[in-house]
Amino acid sequence: MKRRTRIRYTDSQKALMWERWQQGESLHQIARLFDRHHSSVRGILAEFGGIRPAPRRRSIRSLSLAEREDVSRALVAGHSIRSIATTLGRAPSTISREIRRNGGAEGYRASQADQAAWDRAHRPKACKLALHPALAKRVADKLQQQWSPQQIAGWLMRTSPDDTTCQVSHETIYRTLFIQSRGALKKELLEHLRRTRAMRRSRHHTQKTADHGRISDTISIRERPAAVEDRAVPGHWEGDLLCGSGNSQIATLVERATRYVMLVKVDRKDTQTVVDALIRTARKLPNELYKSLTWDRGKEMADHRRFTLATDIQVYFCDPQSPWQRGSNENTNGLLRQYFPKGIDLSTFSQAKLNEVARRLNERPRKTLDYETPIERYRQAVALTG
């Protein structure tokens, strides 16, 4: 097979790559635009960690190519540096330095001097985390605790509102992680991000579309009291099963007002096992903090009437194929994949381990809570009911 000749991508081709990458296209799709292997595109994007670099611009104080051509012609004509500077409206020292660093009066070439100036000007500004090692250490410590960059940024702003040297944006954290040339955060910290990709890319949201079966005597979410919707009153929960390999699963429960998370070990997916486990969990909470439960249409809740009779907690069911109606729970299940990746056997985790993971989630600040933690909000709710 004939080997393809190596090509050098132009600036316009690179711009097209970045545009398609930001739109969410894969490396293979982008490479097909240039009839190339995806690895050639990956090399361009990976240099910047999948984050499109800001376009470079010449400083208005720099000599332009046209001015350099005037300098070149004036030197050939034998004009002095001072006369050249007067003609261009520049300082004599500027013209002298320009000629001296680009071959002198005999070897000066406008196009070469212009390209050399452009190359010399490529001096990336040191990022904030590189300039403030103590701040970088705080960020690294929180990343190791599985905090997201946005949670870290919000927490820093909340704890040090008047000290900008102790604050950093989540975008700076991401860029420092993915662009290793910045040198402030170790590459190993990428493993602690929710999505452990080598390059940053557009986010894609997926929703479950499978029909979990029909359940009788359900009460629709549309009949749920309006007070539940605005999250003003705690005690209303959303639930689902998080599935793993080998038909393993755990039940996930999220309180809507505080985002407080509980994880429940279930040995099997049949409705009796799941409902029994949920009943035991419900009895551990104050009645005031467990008033309703919203679930999807999974068959594991076919025995929902027994759950309600045993706990006096009403169960509401989402519309078919509408996981967004349990948005807090869906979001939490996404967070849990950081601890329980897809394909892992969930039956190997004890209830104690599940409690530990739930505690870690509950101690992470949440943007939707103004960067307070779920445990802080939950304790406030308990105090009000006490």
Protein backbone atom coordinates (compact mmCIF):
# COMPACT_ATOMS: atom_id res chain seq x y z
CA MET A 1 0.00 0.00 0.00
CA LYS A 2 1.33 3.41 -0.94
CA ARG A 3 2.19 5.52 2.06
CA ARG A 4 0.60 8.94 2.20
CA THR A 5 2.91 11.92 2.16
CA ARG A 6 2.98 13.90 5.35
CA ILE A 7 1.19 17.22 5.17
CA ARG A 8 1.52 20.42 7.17
CA TYR A 9 -1.90 21.71 8.14
CA THR A 10 -2.54 25.36 7.37
CA ASP A 11 -3.94 27.79 9.94
CA SER A 12 -7.35 27.68 8.20
CA GLN A 13 -7.37 23.87 8.32
CA LYS A 14 -6.50 23.92 12.02
CA ALA A 15 -9.28 26.44 12.61
CA LEU A 16 -11.71 24.06 10.91
CA MET A 17 -10.50 21.21 13.13
CA TRP A 18 -11.13 23.24 16.26
CA GLU A 19 -14.54 24.35 15.04
CA ARG A 20 -15.66 20.76 14.38
CA TRP A 21 -14.13 19.57 17.66
CA GLN A 22 -16.07 22.23 19.60
CA GLN A 23 -19.23 21.08 17.82
CA GLY A 24 -18.66 17.61 19.27
CA GLU A 25 -17.44 15.71 16.22
CA SER A 26 -15.08 12.77 16.73
CA LEU A 27 -11.44 12.63 15.66
CA HIS A 28 -12.39 10.15 12.92
CA GLN A 29 -15.07 12.48 11.53
CA ILE A 30 -12.70 15.44 11.49
CA ALA A 31 -9.89 13.43 9.90
CA ARG A 32 -12.16 12.38 7.03
CA LEU A 33 -12.42 16.05 6.01
CA PHE A 34 -8.74 15.94 5.11
CA ASP A 35 -8.60 12.29 4.01
CA ARG A 36 -6.22 11.57 6.87
CA HIS A 37 -5.91 9.17 9.80
CA HIS A 38 -7.42 10.40 13.06
CA SER A 39 -4.02 10.33 14.76
CA SER A 40 -2.83 13.27 12.65
CA VAL A 41 -5.74 15.37 13.91
CA ARG A 42 -5.28 14.16 17.46
CA GLY A 43 -1.72 15.43 17.48
CA ILE A 44 -2.91 18.96 16.68
CA LEU A 45 -5.67 18.97 19.32
CA ALA A 46 -3.76 17.09 22.03
CA GLU A 47 -1.02 19.71 22.11
CA PHE A 48 -3.54 22.03 23.77
CA GLY A 49 -5.43 19.37 25.73
CA GLY A 50 -8.48 19.65 23.48
CA ILE A 51 -8.93 23.31 24.47
CA ARG A 52 -8.89 25.72 21.56
CA PRO A 53 -6.05 28.25 22.00
CA ALA A 54 -6.87 31.93 21.84
CA PRO A 55 -6.03 33.47 18.46
CA ARG A 56 -2.72 35.27 18.39
CA ARG A 57 -2.68 38.96 17.53
CA ARG A 58 0.17 41.32 16.80
CA SER A 59 0.73 44.17 19.19
CA ILE A 60 -0.12 47.56 17.70
CA ARG A 61 3.29 48.72 18.93
CA SER A 62 5.12 46.16 16.78
CA LEU A 63 6.54 47.04 13.39
CA SER A 64 4.33 45.83 10.55
CA LEU A 65 5.55 43.93 7.50
CA ALA A 66 5.02 47.06 5.41
CA GLU A 67 7.20 49.09 7.79
CA ARG A 68 9.91 46.45 7.68
CA GLU A 69 9.85 46.57 3.88
CA ASP A 70 10.33 50.35 4.10
CA VAL A 71 13.30 49.76 6.42
CA SER A 72 14.80 47.25 3.96
CA ARG A 73 14.47 49.62 0.99
CA ALA A 74 15.85 52.55 2.99
CA LEU A 75 18.91 50.54 4.01
CA VAL A 76 19.60 49.63 0.38
CA ALA A 77 19.29 53.32 -0.51
CA GLY A 78 21.85 54.17 2.19
CA HIS A 79 19.56 56.18 4.49
CA SER A 80 20.55 56.66 8.12
CA ILE A 81 18.74 55.08 11.03
CA ARG A 82 17.54 58.47 12.26
CA SER A 83 16.06 59.40 8.86
CA ILE A 84 14.33 56.01 8.59
CA ALA A 85 12.86 56.49 12.08
CA THR A 86 11.62 59.99 11.17
CA THR A 87 9.95 58.72 8.00
CA LEU A 88 8.16 55.88 9.84
CA GLY A 89 7.30 57.96 12.91
CA ARG A 90 9.24 55.55 15.14
CA ALA A 91 11.97 56.06 17.73
CA PRO A 92 15.53 55.69 16.37
CA SER A 93 16.22 53.08 19.07
CA THR A 94 13.33 50.96 17.70
CA ILE A 95 14.79 50.98 14.20
CA SER A 96 18.33 50.39 15.47
CA ARG A 97 17.22 47.39 17.55
CA GLU A 98 15.17 45.99 14.65
CA ILE A 99 18.17 46.07 12.28
CA ARG A 100 20.67 44.78 14.84
CA ARG A 101 18.66 41.69 15.82
CA ASN A 102 17.88 40.73 12.18
CA GLY A 103 21.21 40.49 10.41
CA GLY A 104 22.43 44.07 10.46
CA ALA A 105 22.28 46.60 7.64
CA GLU A 106 23.88 44.21 5.15
CA GLY A 107 21.78 41.11 5.89
CA TYR A 108 18.39 42.64 6.79
CA ARG A 109 15.40 41.04 4.98
CA ALA A 110 11.91 42.29 5.71
CA SER A 111 10.03 38.97 5.42
CA GLN A 112 12.58 37.08 7.55
CA ALA A 113 12.59 39.82 10.18
CA ASP A 114 8.79 39.80 10.32
CA GLN A 115 8.61 36.03 10.80
CA ALA A 116 11.37 36.12 13.43
CA ALA A 117 9.48 38.80 15.37
CA TRP A 118 6.30 36.71 15.24
CA ASP A 119 8.18 33.65 16.54
CA ARG A 120 9.89 35.59 19.34
CA ALA A 121 6.58 37.07 20.46
CA HIS A 122 5.17 33.61 21.27
CA ARG A 123 5.66 33.79 25.02
CA PRO A 124 2.67 32.26 26.85
CA LYS A 125 1.67 34.10 30.00
CA ALA A 126 2.20 32.08 33.17
CA CYS A 127 -1.15 30.88 34.54
CA LYS A 128 -2.41 31.89 37.97
CA LEU A 129 -1.82 28.47 39.54
CA ALA A 130 1.81 28.51 38.41
CA LEU A 131 2.28 31.92 40.02
CA HIS A 132 0.61 30.91 43.31
CA PRO A 133 1.90 27.48 44.49
CA ALA A 134 -0.14 27.56 47.71
CA LEU A 135 -3.34 28.02 45.72
CA ALA A 136 -2.30 25.21 43.35
CA LYS A 137 -1.82 22.91 46.34
CA ARG A 138 -5.31 23.70 47.67
CA VAL A 139 -6.78 22.95 44.25
CA ALA A 140 -4.82 19.68 43.98
CA ASP A 141 -5.97 18.58 47.44
CA LYS A 142 -9.63 19.13 46.55
CA LEU A 143 -9.25 17.39 43.19
CA GLN A 144 -7.92 14.35 45.05
CA GLN A 145 -11.14 14.42 47.08
CA GLN A 146 -13.10 14.15 43.80
CA TRP A 147 -14.30 17.75 43.88
CA SER A 148 -15.01 19.14 40.43
CA PRO A 149 -13.16 22.27 39.22
CA GLN A 150 -16.41 24.23 39.39
CA GLN A 151 -17.01 23.13 42.99
CA ILE A 152 -13.44 24.11 43.90
CA ALA A 153 -13.76 27.52 42.25
CA GLY A 154 -17.08 28.22 43.97
CA TRP A 155 -15.78 27.06 47.35
CA LEU A 156 -12.67 29.24 47.06
CA MET A 157 -14.77 32.28 46.23
CA ARG A 158 -17.07 31.57 49.14
CA THR A 159 -14.28 31.02 51.69
CA SER A 160 -12.03 33.88 50.48
CA PRO A 161 -14.43 36.45 48.98
CA ASP A 162 -12.06 39.42 49.39
CA ASP A 163 -8.75 37.81 48.42
CA THR A 164 -8.37 37.28 44.68
CA THR A 165 -5.02 35.53 45.17
CA CYS A 166 -6.95 32.69 46.83
CA GLN A 167 -9.48 32.40 44.01
CA VAL A 168 -9.26 30.76 40.61
CA SER A 169 -11.84 30.06 37.92
CA HIS A 170 -12.89 26.51 37.05
CA GLU A 171 -11.81 27.16 33.46
CA THR A 172 -8.26 27.92 34.61
CA ILE A 173 -8.20 24.65 36.57
CA TYR A 174 -9.37 22.68 33.53
CA ARG A 175 -6.85 24.38 31.25
CA THR A 176 -4.00 23.78 33.69
CA LEU A 177 -4.90 20.09 33.92
CA PHE A 178 -5.28 19.49 30.21
CA ILE A 179 -2.43 21.75 29.04
CA GLN A 180 0.49 20.21 30.88
CA SER A 181 2.97 22.78 29.58
CA ARG A 182 1.57 25.14 32.23
CA GLY A 183 3.28 22.93 34.80
CA ALA A 184 1.18 23.84 37.86
CA LEU A 185 -0.92 20.68 38.32
CA LYS A 186 0.23 17.10 37.83
CA LYS A 187 -1.28 15.08 35.00
CA GLU A 188 -2.20 12.32 37.47
CA LEU A 189 -4.92 14.61 38.86
CA LEU A 190 -6.91 14.05 35.66
CA GLU A 191 -7.81 10.65 37.10
CA HIS A 192 -9.88 12.39 39.78
CA LEU A 193 -12.13 14.24 37.32
CA ARG A 194 -15.61 12.91 36.78
CA ARG A 195 -14.77 12.09 33.17
CA THR A 196 -11.22 10.85 32.83
CA ARG A 197 -10.45 11.91 29.27
CA ALA A 198 -7.01 12.77 27.98
CA MET A 199 -8.43 15.80 26.16
CA ARG A 200 -11.28 18.12 26.99
CA ARG A 201 -14.21 18.05 24.60
CA SER A 202 -17.84 19.06 24.21
CA ARG A 203 -20.20 17.53 26.74
CA HIS A 204 -22.90 15.13 25.59
CA HIS A 205 -25.90 14.28 27.71
CA THR A 206 -27.53 10.91 27.33
CA GLN A 207 -30.89 9.87 28.66
CA LYS A 208 -32.28 6.43 29.27
CA THR A 209 -34.77 5.50 26.58
CA ALA A 210 -35.50 1.90 27.45
CA ASP A 211 -39.02 1.07 28.56
CA HIS A 212 -38.73 -0.40 32.03
CA GLY A 213 -42.17 -1.99 31.88
CA ARG A 214 -45.67 -1.12 33.02
CA ILE A 215 -46.69 -0.77 36.66
CA SER A 216 -50.29 -0.75 37.85
CA ASP A 217 -51.96 1.75 40.20
CA THR A 218 -49.31 4.40 39.71
CA ILE A 219 -49.76 8.04 40.68
CA SER A 220 -48.33 10.32 38.03
CA ILE A 221 -45.77 13.01 38.80
CA ARG A 222 -48.34 15.42 37.37
CA GLU A 223 -50.40 14.83 40.52
CA ARG A 224 -47.51 15.65 42.82
CA PRO A 225 -48.26 18.74 44.97
CA ALA A 226 -46.95 22.03 43.63
CA ALA A 227 -45.05 22.60 46.89
CA VAL A 228 -42.74 19.75 45.93
CA GLU A 229 -41.80 21.38 42.66
CA ASP A 230 -40.19 24.56 44.04
CA ARG A 231 -37.92 22.64 46.45
CA ALA A 232 -38.77 25.06 49.26
CA VAL A 233 -39.79 22.30 51.69
CA PRO A 234 -37.36 19.43 52.44
CA GLY A 235 -38.51 15.85 52.66
CA HIS A 236 -39.23 15.02 49.02
CA TRP A 237 -36.90 12.48 47.43
CA GLU A 238 -36.04 11.17 43.99
CA GLY A 239 -34.82 7.61 43.47
CA ASP A 240 -33.51 5.14 40.92
CA LEU A 241 -31.32 2.08 40.53
CA LEU A 242 -27.71 2.51 39.43
CA CYS A 243 -26.80 -0.64 37.50
CA GLY A 244 -23.50 -2.47 37.17
CA SER A 245 -22.24 -5.68 35.63
CA GLY A 246 -23.57 -9.13 36.49
CA ASN A 247 -27.08 -7.78 37.10
CA SER A 248 -25.82 -5.84 40.13
CA GLN A 249 -27.28 -2.55 41.30
CA ILE A 250 -27.58 -0.05 44.14
CA ALA A 251 -30.51 2.21 44.97
CA THR A 252 -29.77 5.93 44.89
CA LEU A 253 -31.89 8.46 46.78
CA VAL A 254 -31.57 12.26 46.57
CA GLU A 255 -33.47 14.81 48.64
CA ARG A 256 -34.70 17.54 46.30
CA ALA A 257 -34.21 20.62 48.51
CA THR A 258 -30.81 19.80 50.03
CA ARG A 259 -29.41 17.40 47.38
CA TYR A 260 -28.55 15.07 50.25
CA VAL A 261 -27.65 11.61 48.92
CA MET A 262 -28.31 8.14 50.36
CA LEU A 263 -27.09 4.91 48.80
CA VAL A 264 -28.80 1.60 49.54
CA LYS A 265 -27.33 -1.84 48.91
CA VAL A 266 -29.80 -4.16 47.16
CA ASP A 267 -28.87 -7.78 46.51
CA ARG A 268 -31.33 -8.31 43.65
CA LYS A 269 -33.45 -6.22 41.32
CA ASP A 270 -36.79 -7.88 42.03
CA THR A 271 -39.43 -5.62 43.51
CA GLN A 272 -39.63 -7.37 46.88
CA THR A 273 -35.88 -7.00 47.52
CA VAL A 274 -35.80 -3.35 46.39
CA VAL A 275 -38.92 -2.31 48.29
CA ASP A 276 -37.75 -4.07 51.47
CA ALA A 277 -34.44 -2.19 51.30
CA LEU A 278 -36.21 1.14 50.73
CA ILE A 279 -38.55 0.53 53.66
CA ARG A 280 -35.60 -0.13 55.99
CA THR A 281 -33.91 3.07 54.81
CA ALA A 282 -37.06 5.17 55.18
CA ARG A 283 -37.47 4.11 58.80
CA LYS A 284 -34.05 5.57 59.64
CA LEU A 285 -35.18 9.12 58.77
CA PRO A 286 -37.48 11.52 60.63
CA ASN A 287 -41.00 11.47 59.21
CA GLU A 288 -40.76 15.19 58.48
CA LEU A 289 -37.80 14.56 56.17
CA TYR A 290 -39.32 11.76 54.09
CA LYS A 291 -42.72 12.76 52.70
CA SER A 292 -42.65 11.59 49.09
CA LEU A 293 -40.57 9.60 46.63
CA THR A 294 -40.43 10.12 42.87
CA TRP A 295 -39.28 7.13 40.79
CA ASP A 296 -39.15 6.18 37.14
CA ARG A 297 -41.22 3.38 35.59
CA GLY A 298 -38.84 0.55 36.49
CA LYS A 299 -40.44 -2.75 37.49
CA GLU A 300 -38.44 -2.77 40.70
CA MET A 301 -41.12 -0.44 42.11
CA ALA A 302 -44.07 -2.61 41.05
CA ASP A 303 -44.78 -3.21 44.75
CA HIS A 304 -44.94 0.52 45.49
CA ARG A 305 -48.25 0.20 47.30
CA ARG A 306 -46.61 -1.97 49.99
CA PHE A 307 -43.88 0.64 50.39
CA THR A 308 -46.48 3.38 50.92
CA LEU A 309 -48.49 1.29 53.41
CA ALA A 310 -45.34 0.50 55.44
CA THR A 311 -43.91 4.03 55.50
CA ASP A 312 -46.80 6.40 54.76
CA ILE A 313 -44.65 7.84 51.97
CA GLN A 314 -46.40 8.53 48.69
CA VAL A 315 -44.65 7.36 45.50
CA TYR A 316 -45.00 9.37 42.31
CA PHE A 317 -43.93 8.06 38.91
CA CYS A 318 -42.35 9.97 36.05
CA ASP A 319 -43.78 9.91 32.56
CA PRO A 320 -42.32 7.19 30.31
CA GLN A 321 -38.87 8.03 28.93
CA SER A 322 -38.70 11.29 30.91
CA PRO A 323 -35.67 11.00 33.23
CA TRP A 324 -35.39 14.79 33.29
CA GLN A 325 -38.41 14.76 35.63
CA ARG A 326 -36.02 13.32 38.23
CA GLY A 327 -33.25 15.75 37.39
CA SER A 328 -31.52 15.77 40.78
CA ASN A 329 -31.33 11.99 40.82
CA GLU A 330 -30.08 11.75 37.24
CA ASN A 331 -27.39 14.31 37.98
CA THR A 332 -26.36 12.42 41.11
CA ASN A 333 -26.16 9.14 39.21
CA GLY A 334 -23.75 10.88 36.85
CA LEU A 335 -21.63 11.99 39.82
CA LEU A 336 -21.66 8.45 41.20
CA ARG A 337 -20.12 7.07 38.01
CA GLN A 338 -16.90 8.70 39.19
CA TYR A 339 -16.89 6.18 42.04
CA PHE A 340 -18.75 3.33 40.30
CA PRO A 341 -17.74 3.30 36.60
CA LYS A 342 -19.96 1.55 34.09
CA GLY A 343 -19.25 -2.17 33.87
CA ILE A 344 -18.15 -2.56 37.50
CA ASP A 345 -19.72 -5.24 39.72
CA LEU A 346 -21.68 -3.26 42.32
CA SER A 347 -22.44 -6.32 44.44
CA THR A 348 -18.90 -6.25 45.83
CA PHE A 349 -19.52 -2.98 47.69
CA SER A 350 -20.69 -3.20 51.30
CA GLN A 351 -23.24 -0.84 52.80
CA ALA A 352 -20.41 0.73 54.79
CA LYS A 353 -18.56 1.53 51.56
CA LEU A 354 -21.73 2.96 50.02
CA ASN A 355 -22.18 5.14 53.10
CA GLU A 356 -18.61 6.40 52.69
CA VAL A 357 -19.20 7.36 49.05
CA ALA A 358 -22.47 9.08 49.98
CA ARG A 359 -20.65 11.02 52.70
CA ARG A 360 -18.04 12.21 50.21
CA LEU A 361 -20.73 13.43 47.85
CA ASN A 362 -22.60 15.13 50.66
CA GLU A 363 -19.45 16.98 51.71
CA ARG A 364 -18.79 18.39 48.23
CA PRO A 365 -20.01 21.97 47.66
CA ARG A 366 -22.72 22.33 45.04
CA LYS A 367 -23.19 25.25 42.69
CA THR A 368 -26.96 24.94 42.94
CA LEU A 369 -26.64 25.40 46.74
CA ASP A 370 -24.49 28.54 46.38
CA TYR A 371 -21.50 26.29 47.07
CA GLU A 372 -22.75 25.10 50.42
CA THR A 373 -22.66 21.33 50.89
CA PRO A 374 -25.68 19.00 50.99
CA ILE A 375 -24.76 17.93 54.53
CA GLU A 376 -24.86 21.56 55.68
CA ARG A 377 -28.32 22.07 54.17
CA TYR A 378 -29.55 18.72 55.50
CA ARG A 379 -28.42 19.52 59.04
CA GLN A 380 -30.22 22.85 58.82
CA ALA A 381 -33.39 20.97 57.81
CA VAL A 382 -32.99 18.52 60.70
CA ALA A 383 -32.54 21.39 63.14
CA LEU A 384 -35.74 23.04 61.91
CA THR A 385 -37.72 19.82 62.41
CA GLY A 386 -36.17 19.06 65.80
